[in-house]
Amino acid sequence: MPQHKSAEKRVRQDAKRRLLNRFKKVALRKAIKAVRTAETTEELVERSREAQRLLDRLATKGIIHPNYAANRKRQFARLLAERSAEG
């Protein structure tokens, strides 16, 4: 249990932030899955753009590691290159 008022406040703030960060990470996982399951090339481009914006935002705020964001963006680019080479 916290011994000081500031520590009590910190516990409350941490709980709120943890919930928000969890929500954002779930949204990110859904966006990544949407990119992987895109049917058409146009759909893939649009979904990867949205997912990349989300990755950049979360990496900037420190919710995810910047290298994780970079690796996922590279993966999207590879998917797009494979898809455009096919058709």
C-alpha atoms as a PDB file:
ATOM      1  CA  MET A   1       0.000   0.000   0.000  1.00  0.00           C
ATOM      2  CA  PRO A   2       1.219   3.507  -0.788  1.00  0.00           C
ATOM      3  CA  GLN A   3       2.523   5.501   2.163  1.00  0.00           C
ATOM      4  CA  HIS A   4       2.184   9.003   0.663  1.00  0.00           C
ATOM      5  CA  LYS A   5      -0.504  10.949  -1.154  1.00  0.00           C
ATOM      6  CA  SER A   6       1.627  11.268  -4.249  1.00  0.00           C
ATOM      7  CA  ALA A   7       2.144   7.485  -4.292  1.00  0.00           C
ATOM      8  CA  GLU A   8      -1.621   6.936  -4.043  1.00  0.00           C
ATOM      9  CA  LYS A   9      -2.149   9.243  -7.001  1.00  0.00           C
ATOM     10  CA  ARG A  10       0.585   7.457  -8.943  1.00  0.00           C
ATOM     11  CA  VAL A  11      -1.187   4.117  -8.363  1.00  0.00           C
ATOM     12  CA  ARG A  12      -4.447   5.584  -9.722  1.00  0.00           C
ATOM     13  CA  GLN A  13      -2.719   7.082 -12.744  1.00  0.00           C
ATOM     14  CA  ASP A  14      -0.838   3.862 -13.481  1.00  0.00           C
ATOM     15  CA  ALA A  15      -4.076   1.872 -13.441  1.00  0.00           C
ATOM     16  CA  LYS A  16      -5.704   4.259 -15.932  1.00  0.00           C
ATOM     17  CA  ARG A  17      -2.677   4.260 -18.203  1.00  0.00           C
ATOM     18  CA  ARG A  18      -2.385   0.482 -18.092  1.00  0.00           C
ATOM     19  CA  LEU A  19      -5.996   0.152 -19.293  1.00  0.00           C
ATOM     20  CA  LEU A  20      -5.497   2.693 -22.078  1.00  0.00           C
ATOM     21  CA  ASN A  21      -2.256   1.063 -23.207  1.00  0.00           C
ATOM     22  CA  ARG A  22      -3.892  -2.364 -23.245  1.00  0.00           C
ATOM     23  CA  PHE A  23      -6.738  -0.997 -25.363  1.00  0.00           C
ATOM     24  CA  LYS A  24      -4.271   0.565 -27.784  1.00  0.00           C
ATOM     25  CA  LYS A  25      -2.229  -2.637 -28.071  1.00  0.00           C
ATOM     26  CA  VAL A  26      -5.362  -4.671 -28.808  1.00  0.00           C
ATOM     27  CA  ALA A  27      -6.326  -2.144 -31.488  1.00  0.00           C
ATOM     28  CA  LEU A  28      -2.834  -2.488 -32.953  1.00  0.00           C
ATOM     29  CA  ARG A  29      -3.055  -6.285 -33.054  1.00  0.00           C
ATOM     30  CA  LYS A  30      -6.412  -6.020 -34.835  1.00  0.00           C
ATOM     31  CA  ALA A  31      -4.946  -3.575 -37.359  1.00  0.00           C
ATOM     32  CA  ILE A  32      -1.999  -5.884 -38.052  1.00  0.00           C
ATOM     33  CA  LYS A  33      -4.337  -8.832 -38.528  1.00  0.00           C
ATOM     34  CA  ALA A  34      -6.465  -6.741 -40.902  1.00  0.00           C
ATOM     35  CA  VAL A  35      -3.375  -6.069 -43.018  1.00  0.00           C
ATOM     36  CA  ARG A  36      -2.503  -9.756 -43.187  1.00  0.00           C
ATOM     37  CA  THR A  37      -6.044 -10.766 -44.167  1.00  0.00           C
ATOM     38  CA  ALA A  38      -6.557  -8.085 -46.815  1.00  0.00           C
ATOM     39  CA  GLU A  39      -8.125  -9.522 -49.962  1.00  0.00           C
ATOM     40  CA  THR A  40      -7.202  -6.986 -52.651  1.00  0.00           C
ATOM     41  CA  THR A  41      -4.077  -4.923 -53.210  1.00  0.00           C
ATOM     42  CA  GLU A  42      -6.002  -1.667 -52.725  1.00  0.00           C
ATOM     43  CA  GLU A  43      -7.359  -2.953 -49.429  1.00  0.00           C
ATOM     44  CA  LEU A  44      -3.852  -3.997 -48.404  1.00  0.00           C
ATOM     45  CA  VAL A  45      -2.463  -0.540 -49.166  1.00  0.00           C
ATOM     46  CA  GLU A  46      -5.201   1.229 -47.185  1.00  0.00           C
ATOM     47  CA  ARG A  47      -5.021  -1.072 -44.170  1.00  0.00           C
ATOM     48  CA  SER A  48      -1.228  -0.998 -44.054  1.00  0.00           C
ATOM     49  CA  ARG A  49      -1.299   2.805 -44.119  1.00  0.00           C
ATOM     50  CA  GLU A  50      -3.649   2.862 -41.140  1.00  0.00           C
ATOM     51  CA  ALA A  51      -1.599   0.272 -39.271  1.00  0.00           C
ATOM     52  CA  GLN A  52       1.648   2.151 -39.948  1.00  0.00           C
ATOM     53  CA  ARG A  53       0.153   5.351 -38.537  1.00  0.00           C
ATOM     54  CA  LEU A  54      -0.889   3.463 -35.432  1.00  0.00           C
ATOM     55  CA  LEU A  55       2.531   1.816 -35.106  1.00  0.00           C
ATOM     56  CA  ASP A  56       4.300   5.178 -35.378  1.00  0.00           C
ATOM     57  CA  ARG A  57       1.995   6.805 -32.845  1.00  0.00           C
ATOM     58  CA  LEU A  58       2.423   4.025 -30.277  1.00  0.00           C
ATOM     59  CA  ALA A  59       6.187   3.872 -30.782  1.00  0.00           C
ATOM     60  CA  THR A  60       6.475   7.643 -30.320  1.00  0.00           C
ATOM     61  CA  LYS A  61       4.515   7.494 -27.068  1.00  0.00           C
ATOM     62  CA  GLY A  62       6.617   4.584 -25.793  1.00  0.00           C
ATOM     63  CA  ILE A  63       3.777   2.060 -25.673  1.00  0.00           C
ATOM     64  CA  ILE A  64       5.632  -0.264 -28.047  1.00  0.00           C
ATOM     65  CA  HIS A  65       9.311  -0.501 -28.888  1.00  0.00           C
ATOM     66  CA  PRO A  66      10.417   1.488 -31.965  1.00  0.00           C
ATOM     67  CA  ASN A  67      12.113  -1.584 -33.433  1.00  0.00           C
ATOM     68  CA  TYR A  68       8.852  -3.532 -33.177  1.00  0.00           C
ATOM     69  CA  ALA A  69       7.163  -0.799 -35.210  1.00  0.00           C
ATOM     70  CA  ALA A  70       9.965  -0.791 -37.776  1.00  0.00           C
ATOM     71  CA  ASN A  71       9.853  -4.582 -38.154  1.00  0.00           C
ATOM     72  CA  ARG A  72       6.085  -4.577 -38.708  1.00  0.00           C
ATOM     73  CA  LYS A  73       6.316  -1.765 -41.260  1.00  0.00           C
ATOM     74  CA  ARG A  74       9.005  -3.706 -43.107  1.00  0.00           C
ATOM     75  CA  GLN A  75       6.740  -6.754 -43.061  1.00  0.00           C
ATOM     76  CA  PHE A  76       3.886  -4.692 -44.581  1.00  0.00           C
ATOM     77  CA  ALA A  77       6.194  -3.455 -47.326  1.00  0.00           C
ATOM     78  CA  ARG A  78       7.261  -7.009 -48.115  1.00  0.00           C
ATOM     79  CA  LEU A  79       3.623  -8.157 -48.244  1.00  0.00           C
ATOM     80  CA  LEU A  80       2.798  -5.314 -50.602  1.00  0.00           C
ATOM     81  CA  ALA A  81       5.765  -6.093 -52.843  1.00  0.00           C
ATOM     82  CA  GLU A  82       4.799  -9.766 -53.022  1.00  0.00           C
ATOM     83  CA  ARG A  83       1.192  -8.894 -53.785  1.00  0.00           C
ATOM     84  CA  SER A  84       2.058  -6.419 -56.534  1.00  0.00           C
ATOM     85  CA  ALA A  85       4.537  -8.897 -58.085  1.00  0.00           C
ATOM     86  CA  GLU A  86       1.784 -11.512 -58.298  1.00  0.00           C
ATOM     87  CA  GLY A  87      -0.783  -9.461 -60.098  1.00  0.00           C
END
